[in-house]
Each structure stands twice: as C-alpha cells, then as structure tokens.
Protein backbone atom coordinates (compact mmCIF):
# COMPACT_ATOMS: atom_id res chain seq x y z
CA UNK A 1 -43.40 -54.88 -20.70
CA UNK A 2 -46.75 -56.52 -21.83
CA UNK A 3 -47.94 -54.86 -24.92
CA UNK A 4 -51.65 -55.72 -24.10
CA UNK A 5 -51.67 -53.64 -20.88
CA UNK A 6 -49.61 -50.88 -22.56
CA UNK A 7 -52.20 -50.74 -25.39
CA UNK A 8 -55.06 -50.45 -22.80
CA UNK A 9 -53.47 -47.68 -20.94
CA UNK A 10 -52.65 -45.73 -24.05
CA UNK A 11 -56.38 -46.01 -25.49
CA UNK A 12 -57.49 -45.12 -21.87
CA UNK A 13 -55.39 -42.11 -21.92
CA UNK A 14 -56.67 -40.84 -25.19
CA UNK A 15 -60.29 -41.44 -24.27
CA UNK A 16 -59.69 -39.42 -20.98
CA UNK A 17 -58.90 -36.29 -23.17
CA UNK A 18 -60.64 -36.88 -26.38
CA UNK A 19 -63.79 -38.85 -25.36
CA UNK A 20 -64.82 -42.56 -25.47
CA UNK A 21 -66.01 -43.00 -28.97
CA UNK A 22 -63.10 -43.91 -31.21
CA UNK A 23 -62.42 -45.95 -34.30
CA UNK A 24 -59.36 -48.10 -34.64
CA UNK A 25 -57.89 -47.59 -37.89
CA UNK A 26 -54.92 -49.44 -39.82
CA UNK A 27 -53.24 -48.65 -42.98
CA UNK A 28 -52.74 -51.86 -44.88
CA UNK A 29 -50.89 -50.62 -47.83
CA UNK A 30 -47.20 -50.83 -48.41
CA UNK A 31 -44.53 -52.83 -46.41
CA UNK A 32 -47.06 -53.87 -43.49
CA UNK A 33 -44.51 -56.25 -42.28
CA UNK A 34 -42.36 -53.42 -41.09
CA UNK A 35 -45.43 -51.92 -38.96
CA UNK A 36 -44.73 -52.18 -35.28
CA UNK A 37 -46.51 -55.09 -33.72
CA UNK A 38 -50.15 -54.53 -32.54
CA UNK A 39 -49.79 -50.87 -34.08
CA UNK A 40 -52.98 -48.97 -35.01
CA UNK A 41 -54.08 -45.43 -35.26
CA UNK A 42 -57.21 -44.34 -33.23
CA UNK A 43 -59.58 -41.80 -34.88
CA UNK A 44 -61.65 -39.46 -32.73
CA UNK A 45 -64.32 -37.46 -34.42
CA UNK A 46 -64.95 -33.86 -33.52
CA UNK A 47 -67.09 -33.13 -30.50
CA UNK A 48 -68.57 -30.07 -28.66
CA UNK A 49 -65.30 -28.73 -27.18
CA UNK A 50 -62.92 -29.84 -30.03
CA UNK A 51 -63.99 -28.90 -33.46
CA UNK A 52 -61.39 -30.91 -35.45
CA UNK A 53 -60.64 -34.84 -35.98
CA UNK A 54 -57.88 -36.19 -33.81
CA UNK A 55 -55.61 -39.13 -34.61
CA UNK A 56 -53.22 -41.07 -32.23
CA UNK A 57 -51.01 -43.78 -32.51
CA UNK A 58 -51.14 -47.02 -30.41
CA UNK A 59 -48.26 -49.38 -29.78
CA UNK A 60 -45.79 -47.21 -31.80
CA UNK A 61 -43.24 -48.03 -29.14
CA UNK A 62 -44.48 -50.81 -26.64
CA UNK A 63 -42.01 -53.65 -27.30
CA UNK A 64 -38.93 -51.92 -28.70
CA UNK A 65 -37.98 -48.68 -27.01
CA UNK A 66 -36.97 -47.88 -23.51
CA UNK A 67 -38.60 -44.62 -23.62
CA UNK A 68 -42.13 -45.04 -25.26
CA UNK A 69 -43.51 -42.59 -27.65
CA UNK A 70 -47.01 -42.18 -29.22
CA UNK A 71 -47.74 -39.38 -31.71
CA UNK A 72 -50.83 -37.64 -32.69
CA UNK A 73 -52.01 -35.17 -35.32
CA UNK A 74 -55.11 -33.12 -35.98
CA UNK A 75 -57.16 -32.54 -39.20
CA UNK A 76 -59.87 -30.07 -40.24
CA UNK A 77 -61.91 -33.27 -41.75
CA UNK A 78 -61.87 -37.23 -41.48
CA UNK A 79 -59.25 -38.39 -43.75
CA UNK A 80 -57.17 -41.75 -44.43
CA UNK A 81 -54.23 -39.48 -44.99
CA UNK A 82 -53.44 -38.86 -41.53
CA UNK A 83 -53.66 -42.58 -40.79
CA UNK A 84 -51.36 -43.17 -43.61
CA UNK A 85 -48.91 -40.43 -42.44
CA UNK A 86 -48.84 -41.71 -38.75
CA UNK A 87 -48.29 -45.34 -39.76
CA UNK A 88 -45.36 -44.26 -42.03
CA UNK A 89 -43.88 -42.14 -39.07
CA UNK A 90 -44.35 -44.98 -36.85
CA UNK A 91 -42.50 -47.57 -39.18
CA UNK A 92 -39.75 -45.11 -39.48
CA UNK A 93 -39.52 -44.78 -35.41
CA UNK A 94 -39.65 -48.46 -35.15
CA UNK A 95 -37.30 -49.51 -37.84
CA UNK A 96 -34.94 -46.66 -38.63
CA UNK A 97 -34.48 -43.74 -36.12
CA UNK A 98 -35.90 -43.33 -32.70
CA UNK A 99 -37.86 -40.26 -32.58
CA UNK A 100 -38.22 -37.73 -29.93
CA UNK A 101 -39.30 -34.08 -29.12
CA UNK A 102 -38.33 -31.57 -31.79
CA UNK A 103 -37.42 -34.03 -34.40
CA UNK A 104 -38.29 -33.04 -37.91
CA UNK A 105 -39.83 -35.59 -40.43
CA UNK A 106 -39.80 -35.09 -44.25
CA UNK A 107 -43.21 -36.55 -45.33
CA UNK A 108 -42.13 -36.16 -49.09
CA UNK A 109 -45.59 -34.69 -50.19
CA UNK A 110 -48.24 -32.59 -48.67
CA UNK A 111 -49.79 -33.67 -45.16
CA UNK A 112 -53.34 -33.09 -46.91
CA UNK A 113 -54.56 -31.58 -50.06
CA UNK A 114 -52.08 -29.49 -51.61
CA UNK A 115 -50.57 -28.00 -48.59
CA UNK A 116 -47.19 -26.57 -48.48
CA UNK A 117 -46.53 -28.33 -45.23
CA UNK A 118 -44.44 -31.48 -46.46
CA UNK A 119 -42.77 -31.99 -43.11
CA UNK A 120 -43.68 -32.69 -39.70
CA UNK A 121 -42.27 -31.26 -36.30
CA UNK A 122 -42.55 -33.35 -33.14
CA UNK A 123 -43.68 -30.86 -30.48
CA UNK A 124 -45.30 -30.85 -26.98
CA UNK A 125 -49.08 -31.25 -26.96
CA UNK A 126 -49.81 -27.61 -26.36
CA UNK A 127 -53.51 -27.99 -27.22
CA UNK A 128 -54.02 -30.70 -24.59
CA UNK A 129 -51.64 -29.50 -21.88
CA UNK A 130 -48.98 -30.99 -19.59
CA UNK A 131 -51.40 -33.59 -18.02
CA UNK A 132 -51.68 -35.22 -21.57
CA UNK A 133 -47.86 -35.28 -22.22
CA UNK A 134 -47.05 -38.27 -20.28
CA UNK A 135 -48.44 -41.21 -18.60
CA UNK A 136 -46.10 -43.42 -16.17
CA UNK A 137 -46.39 -47.18 -16.32
CA UNK A 138 -44.68 -49.60 -14.13
CA UNK A 139 -42.02 -50.34 -16.50
CA UNK A 140 -41.70 -46.96 -18.34
CA UNK A 141 -42.94 -43.46 -19.15
CA UNK A 142 -45.03 -42.83 -22.44
CA UNK A 143 -44.81 -39.58 -23.96
CA UNK A 144 -47.68 -38.29 -26.30
CA UNK A 145 -46.33 -35.76 -28.49
CA UNK A 146 -47.88 -33.79 -31.33
CA UNK A 147 -46.83 -34.10 -34.77
CA UNK A 148 -47.36 -30.56 -36.30
CA UNK A 149 -47.43 -30.21 -40.14
CA UNK A 150 -44.82 -27.59 -41.14
CA UNK A 151 -43.18 -26.35 -44.43
CA UNK A 152 -39.64 -27.04 -45.53
CA UNK A 153 -38.72 -23.40 -44.77
CA UNK A 154 -40.09 -23.69 -41.12
CA UNK A 155 -37.83 -26.81 -40.71
CA UNK A 156 -35.14 -24.76 -41.85
CA UNK A 157 -35.63 -22.12 -39.06
CA UNK A 158 -35.27 -25.07 -36.50
CA UNK A 159 -31.80 -25.93 -38.24
CA UNK A 160 -30.47 -22.22 -38.37
CA UNK A 161 -32.32 -20.47 -35.46
CA UNK A 162 -33.41 -23.15 -33.02
CA UNK A 163 -36.87 -24.65 -31.87
CA UNK A 164 -37.62 -21.48 -29.73
CA UNK A 165 -37.50 -19.34 -32.73
CA UNK A 166 -40.06 -21.48 -34.69
CA UNK A 167 -42.51 -21.87 -31.78
CA UNK A 168 -42.26 -17.97 -31.15
CA UNK A 169 -43.03 -17.40 -34.87
CA UNK A 170 -46.05 -19.76 -34.47
CA UNK A 171 -47.27 -17.94 -31.49
CA UNK A 172 -46.73 -14.52 -32.82
CA UNK A 173 -48.47 -15.25 -36.14
CA UNK A 174 -51.19 -17.30 -34.54
CA UNK A 175 -50.92 -19.89 -37.03
CA UNK A 176 -53.90 -21.96 -37.96
CA UNK A 177 -52.62 -25.62 -37.48
CA UNK A 178 -55.67 -27.08 -39.20
CA UNK A 179 -55.37 -24.95 -42.36
CA UNK A 180 -53.69 -26.99 -45.18
CA UNK A 181 -53.22 -23.69 -47.07
CA UNK A 182 -51.66 -21.73 -44.38
CA UNK A 183 -48.69 -19.32 -45.23
CA UNK A 184 -45.25 -20.31 -43.90
CA UNK A 185 -43.96 -18.51 -40.84
CA UNK A 186 -40.44 -18.32 -42.33
C-alpha cells in the first residue's frame, strides 16, 4: 500500500468526524528512529458539538501491518502528554506487539496530571459510532479504535471477569472519561 494515499484517507476520515481544522503534531523526544515511518498525531480543538480535545494517530500501521490500526484519545484540555502517549503506543505497536481491540497497555505513569489511570484500554469508538470505526481501502481495512485511560484495577477486571464486565461497569457508573481524577469502577 502506498503510504501517501493511506495517510490522506486517514486524515480525511478524521476530518469528516472532527472537523477540518487540525494541527499535525510529532513527539521528537526519545528513540525517534523507532517511530513508524511518516507517523504523526493530529490534534483537533474543541468545537460546538464536542467540548474536548481529540488526538488521532496517522500512519501507525500503514506499511507494516496487514490489518491497519489507528488509535485516538480525548483530553479535557490541550496537552503534549497525549501526543507523547500515542507516539509511545504507536512505537510499541509498530516494533513490539501488534495491538488490537481490547488490548491493555501499561503507560507506567498517569495519562495526564496525577490521574489514577496509568493504563490504556483499546475500545470501540463509542463516542463516534460505528461509521467512524472502519474505512475500507483497496488493499486493507483501517480500524479506528479509542484508547481509553483506565486504572490498574480496571485492567484487572478484564483479566478476571472479561471485557463485557468492565464495559458494563463503565456504563452503570457513567464514568467521566475526561476526568483525570475519576474514581475506579473496580
């Protein structure tokens, strides 16, 4: 697959859902030689229908994986921290373990501020719906999945009781995904 057309399609897909105005961002610290080629994170400012910052990966998979994956995260404010996290996760995906739906990732530190959420859970893009989840390209399908910050004990729920139990608890307790200080559902 030609990475250029892949990148254009991914950017267009994000813009269709999150608006035309975006800022391409790159994390330039650490082992940048391990970043996927052409990788960047797009940053979308809040707008009338969505009062949060949105960050989505571009070229996380375009040249290496048969089943392409792009991840996104949301934040209550603009922050380089999400650009850093998505870059680290993309490097992990590109160089170590092919990620997919329901994987858990240990960030090793809070996702932002002093949050208890030190892990990520790869989920369906519930806030944007099924039309956001996949695009079909000539050579592959691209999945757009949501990387939700979770606590260590919430990751443990998945290990012991399964994904459905964690998602059920999220729904019952109506968790505030954007609140770095939210309590665990475990």
